[in-house]
C-alpha atoms as a PDB file:
ATOM      1  CA  MET A   1       0.148  -0.083  -0.026  1.00  0.00           C
ATOM      2  CA  GLY A   2       1.292   3.402  -1.122  1.00  0.00           C
ATOM      3  CA  ARG A   3       0.058   6.708   0.595  1.00  0.00           C
ATOM      4  CA  GLY A   4      -1.852   7.457  -2.570  1.00  0.00           C
ATOM      5  CA  ASP A   5      -3.917   4.427  -1.620  1.00  0.00           C
ATOM      6  CA  LEU A   6      -4.837   5.593   1.948  1.00  0.00           C
ATOM      7  CA  THR A   7      -8.391   4.468   1.948  1.00  0.00           C
ATOM      8  CA  PRO A   8     -10.933   3.963   4.741  1.00  0.00           C
ATOM      9  CA  GLU A   9     -10.284   0.133   4.381  1.00  0.00           C
ATOM     10  CA  SER A  10      -6.521   0.404   4.561  1.00  0.00           C
ATOM     11  CA  ILE A  11      -6.793   2.233   7.826  1.00  0.00           C
ATOM     12  CA  VAL A  12      -9.111  -0.016   9.741  1.00  0.00           C
ATOM     13  CA  ARG A  13     -11.434  -2.815   8.499  1.00  0.00           C
ATOM     14  CA  LEU A  14     -13.075  -6.036   9.562  1.00  0.00           C
ATOM     15  CA  GLU A  15     -12.270  -9.217   7.877  1.00  0.00           C
ATOM     16  CA  ALA A  16     -13.154 -12.799   8.951  1.00  0.00           C
ATOM     17  CA  GLY A  17     -11.975 -13.444  12.177  1.00  0.00           C
ATOM     18  CA  ALA A  18     -10.096 -10.352  12.798  1.00  0.00           C
ATOM     19  CA  VAL A  19      -9.974  -6.469  12.890  1.00  0.00           C
ATOM     20  CA  VAL A  20      -7.020  -5.314  10.613  1.00  0.00           C
ATOM     21  CA  LEU A  21      -5.362  -1.911  11.343  1.00  0.00           C
ATOM     22  CA  LEU A  22      -2.661   0.095   9.655  1.00  0.00           C
ATOM     23  CA  ASP A  23      -0.084   0.210  12.616  1.00  0.00           C
ATOM     24  CA  GLN A  24       0.364   3.851  13.132  1.00  0.00           C
ATOM     25  CA  ARG A  25       3.277   3.290  15.543  1.00  0.00           C
ATOM     26  CA  ARG A  26       5.427   2.104  12.641  1.00  0.00           C
ATOM     27  CA  LEU A  27       4.752   5.111  10.368  1.00  0.00           C
ATOM     28  CA  PRO A  28       6.245   6.774   8.341  1.00  0.00           C
ATOM     29  CA  ASP A  29       9.073   4.179   8.244  1.00  0.00           C
ATOM     30  CA  GLU A  30       7.049   1.134   7.759  1.00  0.00           C
ATOM     31  CA  GLU A  31       3.485   0.628   6.400  1.00  0.00           C
ATOM     32  CA  LEU A  32       2.447  -2.598   8.328  1.00  0.00           C
ATOM     33  CA  GLU A  33      -0.965  -4.026   9.343  1.00  0.00           C
ATOM     34  CA  LEU A  34      -1.844  -5.447  12.673  1.00  0.00           C
ATOM     35  CA  ARG A  35      -4.410  -8.191  13.116  1.00  0.00           C
ATOM     36  CA  CYS A  36      -6.586  -8.133  16.153  1.00  0.00           C
ATOM     37  CA  GLU A  37      -8.447 -11.415  16.800  1.00  0.00           C
ATOM     38  CA  SER A  38     -10.584 -10.402  19.744  1.00  0.00           C
ATOM     39  CA  ALA A  39     -12.150  -7.300  21.472  1.00  0.00           C
ATOM     40  CA  ALA A  40      -9.233  -7.333  24.133  1.00  0.00           C
ATOM     41  CA  GLU A  41      -6.631  -6.994  21.202  1.00  0.00           C
ATOM     42  CA  VAL A  42      -8.380  -4.340  19.548  1.00  0.00           C
ATOM     43  CA  ALA A  43      -8.352  -2.580  22.973  1.00  0.00           C
ATOM     44  CA  GLU A  44      -4.679  -3.074  23.386  1.00  0.00           C
ATOM     45  CA  ALA A  45      -4.023  -1.648  19.904  1.00  0.00           C
ATOM     46  CA  ILE A  46      -6.145   1.477  20.895  1.00  0.00           C
ATOM     47  CA  ARG A  47      -4.396   1.639  24.208  1.00  0.00           C
ATOM     48  CA  THR A  48      -0.873   1.464  22.708  1.00  0.00           C
ATOM     49  CA  LEU A  49      -1.724   3.850  19.762  1.00  0.00           C
ATOM     50  CA  ALA A  50      -1.420   1.389  16.893  1.00  0.00           C
ATOM     51  CA  VAL A  51      -4.805   3.161  16.042  1.00  0.00           C
ATOM     52  CA  ARG A  52      -5.350   6.702  17.332  1.00  0.00           C
ATOM     53  CA  GLY A  53      -7.411   9.747  16.830  1.00  0.00           C
ATOM     54  CA  ALA A  54     -10.936   9.933  18.448  1.00  0.00           C
ATOM     55  CA  PRO A  55     -13.072   9.057  15.384  1.00  0.00           C
ATOM     56  CA  ALA A  56     -10.681   6.327  14.220  1.00  0.00           C
ATOM     57  CA  ILE A  57     -10.777   4.535  17.715  1.00  0.00           C
ATOM     58  CA  GLY A  58     -14.474   4.769  17.691  1.00  0.00           C
ATOM     59  CA  VAL A  59     -14.500   2.947  14.307  1.00  0.00           C
ATOM     60  CA  ALA A  60     -11.921   0.413  15.519  1.00  0.00           C
ATOM     61  CA  ALA A  61     -13.946  -0.242  18.683  1.00  0.00           C
ATOM     62  CA  ALA A  62     -17.152  -0.691  16.649  1.00  0.00           C
ATOM     63  CA  TYR A  63     -15.460  -3.390  14.620  1.00  0.00           C
ATOM     64  CA  GLY A  64     -13.781  -4.896  17.712  1.00  0.00           C
ATOM     65  CA  TYR A  65     -17.365  -5.161  19.234  1.00  0.00           C
ATOM     66  CA  ALA A  66     -18.885  -6.800  16.003  1.00  0.00           C
ATOM     67  CA  LEU A  67     -15.899  -9.101  15.969  1.00  0.00           C
ATOM     68  CA  ALA A  68     -16.729 -10.173  19.705  1.00  0.00           C
ATOM     69  CA  ALA A  69     -20.307 -10.816  18.727  1.00  0.00           C
ATOM     70  CA  SER A  70     -19.191 -12.969  15.933  1.00  0.00           C
ATOM     71  CA  ARG A  71     -16.927 -15.172  18.062  1.00  0.00           C
ATOM     72  CA  GLY A  72     -19.565 -15.417  20.723  1.00  0.00           C
ATOM     73  CA  GLU A  73     -17.592 -13.300  23.307  1.00  0.00           C
ATOM     74  CA  ASP A  74     -19.191 -12.006  26.303  1.00  0.00           C
ATOM     75  CA  LEU A  75     -20.605  -8.449  24.974  1.00  0.00           C
ATOM     76  CA  ASP A  76     -20.820  -6.854  28.271  1.00  0.00           C
ATOM     77  CA  ALA A  77     -17.232  -7.784  28.801  1.00  0.00           C
ATOM     78  CA  ALA A  78     -16.175  -6.607  25.431  1.00  0.00           C
ATOM     79  CA  TYR A  79     -18.024  -3.402  25.753  1.00  0.00           C
ATOM     80  CA  ARG A  80     -16.120  -2.613  28.926  1.00  0.00           C
ATOM     81  CA  VAL A  81     -12.641  -3.518  27.718  1.00  0.00           C
ATOM     82  CA  LEU A  82     -12.964  -1.506  24.722  1.00  0.00           C
ATOM     83  CA  ALA A  83     -14.607   1.658  26.443  1.00  0.00           C
ATOM     84  CA  GLU A  84     -11.697   1.542  29.024  1.00  0.00           C
ATOM     85  CA  ALA A  85      -9.084   1.433  26.479  1.00  0.00           C
ATOM     86  CA  ARG A  86      -8.685   5.180  26.420  1.00  0.00           C
ATOM     87  CA  PRO A  87     -10.910   7.630  28.727  1.00  0.00           C
ATOM     88  CA  THR A  88     -10.797  11.049  27.110  1.00  0.00           C
ATOM     89  CA  ALA A  89     -12.093  10.399  23.604  1.00  0.00           C
ATOM     90  CA  VAL A  90     -16.049  10.381  23.766  1.00  0.00           C
ATOM     91  CA  ASN A  91     -16.242   8.927  20.431  1.00  0.00           C
ATOM     92  CA  LEU A  92     -15.108   5.498  21.670  1.00  0.00           C
ATOM     93  CA  VAL A  93     -18.109   5.019  23.815  1.00  0.00           C
ATOM     94  CA  TRP A  94     -20.389   6.735  21.435  1.00  0.00           C
ATOM     95  CA  ALA A  95     -19.542   4.113  18.718  1.00  0.00           C
ATOM     96  CA  LEU A  96     -20.014   1.307  21.136  1.00  0.00           C
ATOM     97  CA  ASP A  97     -23.351   2.601  22.218  1.00  0.00           C
ATOM     98  CA  GLN A  98     -24.387   2.668  18.472  1.00  0.00           C
ATOM     99  CA  MET A  99     -23.452  -0.998  18.103  1.00  0.00           C
ATOM    100  CA  ARG A 100     -25.209  -2.464  21.325  1.00  0.00           C
ATOM    101  CA  ASP A 101     -28.624  -3.131  19.614  1.00  0.00           C
ATOM    102  CA  GLU A 102     -27.042  -4.423  16.354  1.00  0.00           C
ATOM    103  CA  PRO A 103     -23.591  -5.836  16.872  1.00  0.00           C
ATOM    104  CA  THR A 104     -23.029  -6.787  13.153  1.00  0.00           C
ATOM    105  CA  PRO A 105     -20.235  -6.066  10.687  1.00  0.00           C
ATOM    106  CA  GLU A 106     -22.705  -4.323   8.471  1.00  0.00           C
ATOM    107  CA  ARG A 107     -23.461  -1.872  11.149  1.00  0.00           C
ATOM    108  CA  ALA A 108     -19.974  -1.196  11.941  1.00  0.00           C
ATOM    109  CA  ARG A 109     -19.232  -0.632   8.324  1.00  0.00           C
ATOM    110  CA  ALA A 110     -22.070   1.699   8.136  1.00  0.00           C
ATOM    111  CA  LEU A 111     -20.561   3.713  11.038  1.00  0.00           C
ATOM    112  CA  HIS A 112     -17.333   3.800   9.335  1.00  0.00           C
ATOM    113  CA  LEU A 113     -18.692   5.184   6.045  1.00  0.00           C
ATOM    114  CA  ALA A 114     -20.699   7.782   7.944  1.00  0.00           C
ATOM    115  CA  GLU A 115     -17.596   9.090   9.817  1.00  0.00           C
ATOM    116  CA  VAL A 116     -15.839   9.452   6.475  1.00  0.00           C
ATOM    117  CA  ASP A 117     -19.095  11.388   5.056  1.00  0.00           C
ATOM    118  CA  ARG A 118     -19.082  13.659   8.090  1.00  0.00           C
ATOM    119  CA  CYS A 119     -15.416  14.649   7.572  1.00  0.00           C
ATOM    120  CA  LYS A 120     -16.028  15.668   4.088  1.00  0.00           C
ATOM    121  CA  ARG A 121     -18.802  17.905   5.034  1.00  0.00           C
ATOM    122  CA  MET A 122     -16.891  19.303   7.905  1.00  0.00           C
ATOM    123  CA  GLY A 123     -14.113  20.195   5.381  1.00  0.00           C
ATOM    124  CA  THR A 124     -16.510  21.830   3.058  1.00  0.00           C
ATOM    125  CA  HIS A 125     -17.898  24.021   6.099  1.00  0.00           C
ATOM    126  CA  ALA A 126     -14.345  24.670   7.421  1.00  0.00           C
ATOM    127  CA  SER A 127     -12.854  25.798   4.129  1.00  0.00           C
ATOM    128  CA  ALA A 128     -15.222  28.736   3.860  1.00  0.00           C
ATOM    129  CA  LEU A 129     -13.246  30.264   6.912  1.00  0.00           C
ATOM    130  CA  PHE A 130     -10.075  30.507   4.828  1.00  0.00           C
ATOM    131  CA  GLY A 131      -8.945  33.493   2.733  1.00  0.00           C
ATOM    132  CA  PRO A 132      -6.661  33.180  -0.261  1.00  0.00           C
ATOM    133  CA  GLY A 133      -3.099  32.507   0.688  1.00  0.00           C
ATOM    134  CA  THR A 134      -3.749  31.204   4.071  1.00  0.00           C
ATOM    135  CA  LYS A 135      -0.793  29.790   6.136  1.00  0.00           C
ATOM    136  CA  ALA A 136      -2.420  27.462   8.709  1.00  0.00           C
ATOM    137  CA  LEU A 137      -0.699  25.846  11.800  1.00  0.00           C
ATOM    138  CA  THR A 138      -1.960  22.406  13.016  1.00  0.00           C
ATOM    139  CA  HIS A 139      -1.126  20.217  15.950  1.00  0.00           C
ATOM    140  CA  CYS A 140      -1.022  16.482  16.459  1.00  0.00           C
ATOM    141  CA  ASN A 141      -2.787  14.579  13.540  1.00  0.00           C
ATOM    142  CA  ALA A 142      -6.494  14.817  12.614  1.00  0.00           C
ATOM    143  CA  GLY A 143      -6.223  13.399   9.127  1.00  0.00           C
ATOM    144  CA  GLY A 144      -7.363  10.415   7.459  1.00  0.00           C
ATOM    145  CA  LEU A 145      -5.305   8.246   9.958  1.00  0.00           C
ATOM    146  CA  ALA A 146      -7.239   9.761  12.884  1.00  0.00           C
ATOM    147  CA  THR A 147     -10.659   9.376  11.460  1.00  0.00           C
ATOM    148  CA  GLY A 148     -10.645   6.296   9.510  1.00  0.00           C
ATOM    149  CA  GLY A 149     -10.841   8.136   6.130  1.00  0.00           C
ATOM    150  CA  TYR A 150     -10.675  11.757   5.027  1.00  0.00           C
ATOM    151  CA  GLY A 151      -9.810  13.734   8.159  1.00  0.00           C
ATOM    152  CA  SER A 152     -11.285  16.478  10.475  1.00  0.00           C
ATOM    153  CA  ALA A 153      -8.588  19.309  10.763  1.00  0.00           C
ATOM    154  CA  ILE A 154      -6.543  17.932   7.861  1.00  0.00           C
ATOM    155  CA  GLY A 155      -9.760  17.420   5.919  1.00  0.00           C
ATOM    156  CA  ALA A 156     -10.567  21.099   6.182  1.00  0.00           C
ATOM    157  CA  LEU A 157      -6.930  21.914   5.104  1.00  0.00           C
ATOM    158  CA  ARG A 158      -7.353  19.503   2.189  1.00  0.00           C
ATOM    159  CA  ALA A 159     -10.658  21.133   1.144  1.00  0.00           C
ATOM    160  CA  ALA A 160      -9.036  24.614   1.288  1.00  0.00           C
ATOM    161  CA  TRP A 161      -6.157  23.418  -0.570  1.00  0.00           C
ATOM    162  CA  GLU A 162      -8.307  22.020  -3.372  1.00  0.00           C
ATOM    163  CA  GLU A 163     -10.061  25.362  -3.573  1.00  0.00           C
ATOM    164  CA  GLY A 164      -6.965  27.251  -3.974  1.00  0.00           C
ATOM    165  CA  LEU A 165      -7.245  28.979  -0.685  1.00  0.00           C
ATOM    166  CA  LEU A 166      -4.332  27.242   1.384  1.00  0.00           C
ATOM    167  CA  GLU A 167      -0.798  28.293   0.581  1.00  0.00           C
ATOM    168  CA  HIS A 168       1.216  26.429   3.500  1.00  0.00           C
ATOM    169  CA  VAL A 169       0.885  24.268   6.596  1.00  0.00           C
ATOM    170  CA  TRP A 170       2.927  24.587   9.555  1.00  0.00           C
ATOM    171  CA  VAL A 171       2.996  21.220  11.273  1.00  0.00           C
ATOM    172  CA  ASP A 172       3.662  21.090  15.009  1.00  0.00           C
ATOM    173  CA  GLU A 173       5.957  18.030  15.740  1.00  0.00           C
ATOM    174  CA  THR A 174       3.589  17.165  18.704  1.00  0.00           C
ATOM    175  CA  ARG A 175       5.752  15.888  21.506  1.00  0.00           C
ATOM    176  CA  PRO A 176       6.146  13.445  22.981  1.00  0.00           C
ATOM    177  CA  LEU A 177       5.006  10.951  20.402  1.00  0.00           C
ATOM    178  CA  LEU A 178       5.569  13.079  17.205  1.00  0.00           C
ATOM    179  CA  GLN A 179       2.095  12.442  15.576  1.00  0.00           C
ATOM    180  CA  GLY A 180       2.662  15.656  13.728  1.00  0.00           C
ATOM    181  CA  SER A 181       6.084  15.071  12.349  1.00  0.00           C
ATOM    182  CA  ARG A 182       5.355  11.275  11.798  1.00  0.00           C
ATOM    183  CA  LEU A 183       1.756  11.291  10.560  1.00  0.00           C
ATOM    184  CA  THR A 184       0.482  14.630   9.509  1.00  0.00           C
ATOM    185  CA  ALA A 185       3.576  15.517   7.406  1.00  0.00           C
ATOM    186  CA  TRP A 186       3.363  12.009   5.946  1.00  0.00           C
ATOM    187  CA  GLU A 187      -0.347  12.547   4.933  1.00  0.00           C
ATOM    188  CA  LEU A 188       0.320  16.177   3.682  1.00  0.00           C
ATOM    189  CA  GLU A 189       3.140  15.081   1.518  1.00  0.00           C
ATOM    190  CA  ALA A 190       0.954  12.365  -0.080  1.00  0.00           C
ATOM    191  CA  LEU A 191      -1.724  15.031  -0.847  1.00  0.00           C
ATOM    192  CA  GLY A 192       0.844  17.454  -2.278  1.00  0.00           C
ATOM    193  CA  ILE A 193       0.234  20.203   0.175  1.00  0.00           C
ATOM    194  CA  PRO A 194       3.045  22.319   1.036  1.00  0.00           C
ATOM    195  CA  HIS A 195       4.196  22.173   4.634  1.00  0.00           C
ATOM    196  CA  ALA A 196       6.966  22.293   7.052  1.00  0.00           C
ATOM    197  CA  VAL A 197       7.461  20.540  10.539  1.00  0.00           C
ATOM    198  CA  ILE A 198       8.357  22.836  13.345  1.00  0.00           C
ATOM    199  CA  ALA A 199       9.345  22.238  16.891  1.00  0.00           C
ATOM    200  CA  ASP A 200       6.144  22.649  19.226  1.00  0.00           C
ATOM    201  CA  SER A 201       7.940  25.545  21.054  1.00  0.00           C
ATOM    202  CA  ALA A 202       8.496  27.396  17.699  1.00  0.00           C
ATOM    203  CA  ALA A 203       4.769  28.053  17.062  1.00  0.00           C
ATOM    204  CA  ALA A 204       4.558  31.312  19.084  1.00  0.00           C
ATOM    205  CA  HIS A 205       7.777  32.819  17.405  1.00  0.00           C
ATOM    206  CA  LEU A 206       6.112  31.934  13.997  1.00  0.00           C
ATOM    207  CA  MET A 207       3.035  33.705  15.109  1.00  0.00           C
ATOM    208  CA  SER A 208       4.972  36.746  16.128  1.00  0.00           C
ATOM    209  CA  ARG A 209       6.531  36.901  12.546  1.00  0.00           C
ATOM    210  CA  GLY A 210       3.211  37.059  10.862  1.00  0.00           C
ATOM    211  CA  GLU A 211       3.782  33.627   9.312  1.00  0.00           C
ATOM    212  CA  VAL A 212       0.441  32.177  10.636  1.00  0.00           C
ATOM    213  CA  ASP A 213      -3.064  33.111   9.695  1.00  0.00           C
ATOM    214  CA  CYS A 214      -4.959  30.424  11.673  1.00  0.00           C
ATOM    215  CA  VAL A 215      -4.656  27.459  13.908  1.00  0.00           C
ATOM    216  CA  VAL A 216      -6.792  24.400  12.914  1.00  0.00           C
ATOM    217  CA  THR A 217      -6.937  21.334  15.148  1.00  0.00           C
ATOM    218  CA  GLY A 218      -9.249  18.411  15.994  1.00  0.00           C
ATOM    219  CA  SER A 219     -10.715  17.563  19.293  1.00  0.00           C
ATOM    220  CA  ASP A 220     -11.151  14.301  21.281  1.00  0.00           C
ATOM    221  CA  ARG A 221     -14.034  15.619  23.338  1.00  0.00           C
ATOM    222  CA  ILE A 222     -15.987  18.865  23.219  1.00  0.00           C
ATOM    223  CA  ALA A 223     -18.017  19.822  26.445  1.00  0.00           C
ATOM    224  CA  ALA A 224     -21.465  21.266  26.283  1.00  0.00           C
ATOM    225  CA  ASN A 225     -20.098  24.877  26.738  1.00  0.00           C
ATOM    226  CA  GLY A 226     -17.555  24.539  24.013  1.00  0.00           C
ATOM    227  CA  ASP A 227     -14.358  23.741  25.976  1.00  0.00           C
ATOM    228  CA  ALA A 228     -12.317  21.313  23.896  1.00  0.00           C
ATOM    229  CA  ALA A 229      -9.969  18.689  24.782  1.00  0.00           C
ATOM    230  CA  ASN A 230      -7.175  17.981  22.362  1.00  0.00           C
ATOM    231  CA  LYS A 231      -3.567  16.650  22.264  1.00  0.00           C
ATOM    232  CA  ILE A 232      -1.501  18.097  24.982  1.00  0.00           C
ATOM    233  CA  GLY A 233      -0.075  21.532  23.651  1.00  0.00           C
ATOM    234  CA  THR A 234      -3.232  22.732  22.018  1.00  0.00           C
ATOM    235  CA  TYR A 235      -4.062  24.932  25.105  1.00  0.00           C
ATOM    236  CA  GLY A 236      -0.776  26.732  24.798  1.00  0.00           C
ATOM    237  CA  LEU A 237      -1.278  27.277  21.111  1.00  0.00           C
ATOM    238  CA  ALA A 238      -4.821  28.772  21.839  1.00  0.00           C
ATOM    239  CA  VAL A 239      -3.175  31.202  24.242  1.00  0.00           C
ATOM    240  CA  ALA A 240      -0.601  32.255  21.652  1.00  0.00           C
ATOM    241  CA  ALA A 241      -3.107  32.553  18.951  1.00  0.00           C
ATOM    242  CA  ALA A 242      -5.248  34.719  21.098  1.00  0.00           C
ATOM    243  CA  HIS A 243      -2.304  36.976  22.051  1.00  0.00           C
ATOM    244  CA  HIS A 244      -1.370  37.452  18.284  1.00  0.00           C
ATOM    245  CA  GLY A 245      -5.078  37.986  17.396  1.00  0.00           C
ATOM    246  CA  LEU A 246      -5.336  34.560  15.411  1.00  0.00           C
ATOM    247  CA  PRO A 247      -8.289  32.445  15.248  1.00  0.00           C
ATOM    248  CA  LEU A 248      -8.274  28.932  16.629  1.00  0.00           C
ATOM    249  CA  TYR A 249     -10.631  26.546  14.624  1.00  0.00           C
ATOM    250  CA  ILE A 250     -11.590  23.279  16.182  1.00  0.00           C
ATOM    251  CA  VAL A 251     -12.797  20.678  13.405  1.00  0.00           C
ATOM    252  CA  ALA A 252     -14.540  17.671  14.898  1.00  0.00           C
ATOM    253  CA  PRO A 253     -17.769  15.535  14.228  1.00  0.00           C
ATOM    254  CA  THR A 254     -20.799  15.799  16.346  1.00  0.00           C
ATOM    255  CA  SER A 255     -20.061  12.395  17.960  1.00  0.00           C
ATOM    256  CA  THR A 256     -17.089  14.323  19.683  1.00  0.00           C
ATOM    257  CA  ILE A 257     -19.552  16.714  21.418  1.00  0.00           C
ATOM    258  CA  ASP A 258     -20.505  15.299  24.898  1.00  0.00           C
ATOM    259  CA  LEU A 259     -23.738  17.166  25.978  1.00  0.00           C
ATOM    260  CA  ALA A 260     -23.584  15.196  29.341  1.00  0.00           C
ATOM    261  CA  THR A 261     -20.146  16.842  30.251  1.00  0.00           C
ATOM    262  CA  PRO A 262     -21.107  20.472  31.191  1.00  0.00           C
ATOM    263  CA  THR A 263     -17.529  21.969  30.947  1.00  0.00           C
ATOM    264  CA  GLY A 264     -14.005  21.048  30.253  1.00  0.00           C
ATOM    265  CA  ALA A 265     -13.407  20.769  33.964  1.00  0.00           C
ATOM    266  CA  GLU A 266     -15.315  17.441  33.947  1.00  0.00           C
ATOM    267  CA  ILE A 267     -13.490  15.919  30.913  1.00  0.00           C
ATOM    268  CA  PRO A 268     -11.161  13.152  32.081  1.00  0.00           C
ATOM    269  CA  ILE A 269      -7.509  13.475  31.041  1.00  0.00           C
ATOM    270  CA  GLU A 270      -5.693  10.441  30.267  1.00  0.00           C
ATOM    271  CA  GLN A 271      -2.265   9.943  31.827  1.00  0.00           C
ATOM    272  CA  ARG A 272       0.225   8.123  29.803  1.00  0.00           C
ATOM    273  CA  ASP A 273       3.310   6.074  30.782  1.00  0.00           C
ATOM    274  CA  ALA A 274       6.209   8.520  31.920  1.00  0.00           C
ATOM    275  CA  ALA A 275       8.527   6.393  29.656  1.00  0.00           C
ATOM    276  CA  GLU A 276       6.825   8.168  26.557  1.00  0.00           C
ATOM    277  CA  LEU A 277       8.885  11.319  27.698  1.00  0.00           C
ATOM    278  CA  GLY A 278      12.164   9.373  27.264  1.00  0.00           C
ATOM    279  CA  THR A 279      13.582  10.071  30.772  1.00  0.00           C
ATOM    280  CA  ARG A 280      14.437   7.825  33.657  1.00  0.00           C
ATOM    281  CA  PHE A 281      13.570  10.518  36.077  1.00  0.00           C
ATOM    282  CA  PRO A 282      10.089  11.256  37.568  1.00  0.00           C
ATOM    283  CA  ALA A 283       7.722  12.703  35.025  1.00  0.00           C
ATOM    284  CA  TRP A 284       4.133  13.631  34.468  1.00  0.00           C
ATOM    285  CA  ASN A 285       2.568  12.934  31.157  1.00  0.00           C
ATOM    286  CA  PRO A 286      -0.963  14.032  30.345  1.00  0.00           C
ATOM    287  CA  ALA A 287      -2.007  13.095  26.935  1.00  0.00           C
ATOM    288  CA  PHE A 288      -4.446  16.036  26.443  1.00  0.00           C
ATOM    289  CA  ASP A 289      -5.337  19.411  27.696  1.00  0.00           C
ATOM    290  CA  VAL A 290      -8.493  21.486  27.614  1.00  0.00           C
ATOM    291  CA  THR A 291      -8.820  24.645  25.621  1.00  0.00           C
ATOM    292  CA  PRO A 292     -11.536  26.953  27.101  1.00  0.00           C
ATOM    293  CA  ALA A 293     -14.373  27.939  24.791  1.00  0.00           C
ATOM    294  CA  ALA A 294     -13.367  31.695  25.054  1.00  0.00           C
ATOM    295  CA  LEU A 295     -10.211  30.913  23.105  1.00  0.00           C
ATOM    296  CA  ILE A 296     -11.831  28.934  20.418  1.00  0.00           C
ATOM    297  CA  SER A 297     -13.058  31.067  17.497  1.00  0.00           C
ATOM    298  CA  ALA A 298     -15.334  28.484  15.830  1.00  0.00           C
ATOM    299  CA  ILE A 299     -16.095  24.872  16.155  1.00  0.00           C
ATOM    300  CA  ILE A 300     -16.990  23.192  12.889  1.00  0.00           C
ATOM    301  CA  THR A 301     -18.870  20.089  12.650  1.00  0.00           C
ATOM    302  CA  GLU A 302     -20.637  18.206   9.682  1.00  0.00           C
ATOM    303  CA  ARG A 303     -23.784  20.574  10.700  1.00  0.00           C
ATOM    304  CA  GLY A 304     -21.861  23.705  10.105  1.00  0.00           C
ATOM    305  CA  VAL A 305     -19.809  26.389  11.729  1.00  0.00           C
ATOM    306  CA  PHE A 306     -20.621  27.105  15.333  1.00  0.00           C
ATOM    307  CA  ARG A 307     -19.505  30.492  17.067  1.00  0.00           C
ATOM    308  CA  PRO A 308     -19.366  31.331  20.634  1.00  0.00           C
ATOM    309  CA  PRO A 309     -21.295  31.220  22.933  1.00  0.00           C
ATOM    310  CA  TYR A 310     -21.611  27.559  21.929  1.00  0.00           C
ATOM    311  CA  HIS A 311     -25.028  25.911  21.824  1.00  0.00           C
ATOM    312  CA  PHE A 312     -24.924  22.394  20.219  1.00  0.00           C
ATOM    313  CA  SER A 313     -28.220  20.794  21.356  1.00  0.00           C
END
């Protein structure tokens, strides 16, 4: 498989007896597939970031639940092990809830295709916010790899590029696991979109030089008031963007909006193994931070562009 062949089925699919994932831990150096033959193995793949990105792990979990049903596994146990794989992304539980009454491969595939369709509609809405010659900055990876197909934030950039509005993308490396420099840059190169990887700590300097027109990211959970959890470092970008008078756009499907969570203060923040920071000393390694709604210029879903104050219901 080459990057030009990055299709929904090449990212995650259900085959007879297994959920098959493109192992994102091995990119960009190797394009290898991982076979998961039980719900527990799918959960482990989610936990260890073989598949990642809120919509994509929801799709993988749906396939894992369908696999468990076909194997005669205890579905309550399968639900629990999948739901607990990563706590911050609300799409995971949302997808499992969609599967409970109809745990079939057909239902899981329908959810997958619907996710891709939502991303394409988000891209259309979001590209309307771009002016000619836009230089955008993005953080982490919210492309096809993270959504099971087209991409949320990267889908917006892709749509703007195709409409002749996007000039360049600055790609935060996204420490500590480098989803930006490993995955987003890999996707943008395949799409032919001009880009450059920067150190996370260089973003504010770029803004001060007038080299950034907007910041575009995805989200793993959006609270009812518009507070948004995303990869650690997003909050700092939002503060820097606000200081420089730049808009921050969040692009995410409605399945990412959690109306049962009033504010960002109630969003559970996943703590990752300190070893990911590459130090033998004591460390603190949250996977996400929460950007307050007041720092978000617009939230774009498949339903359109929402401005503050946010009302999603």
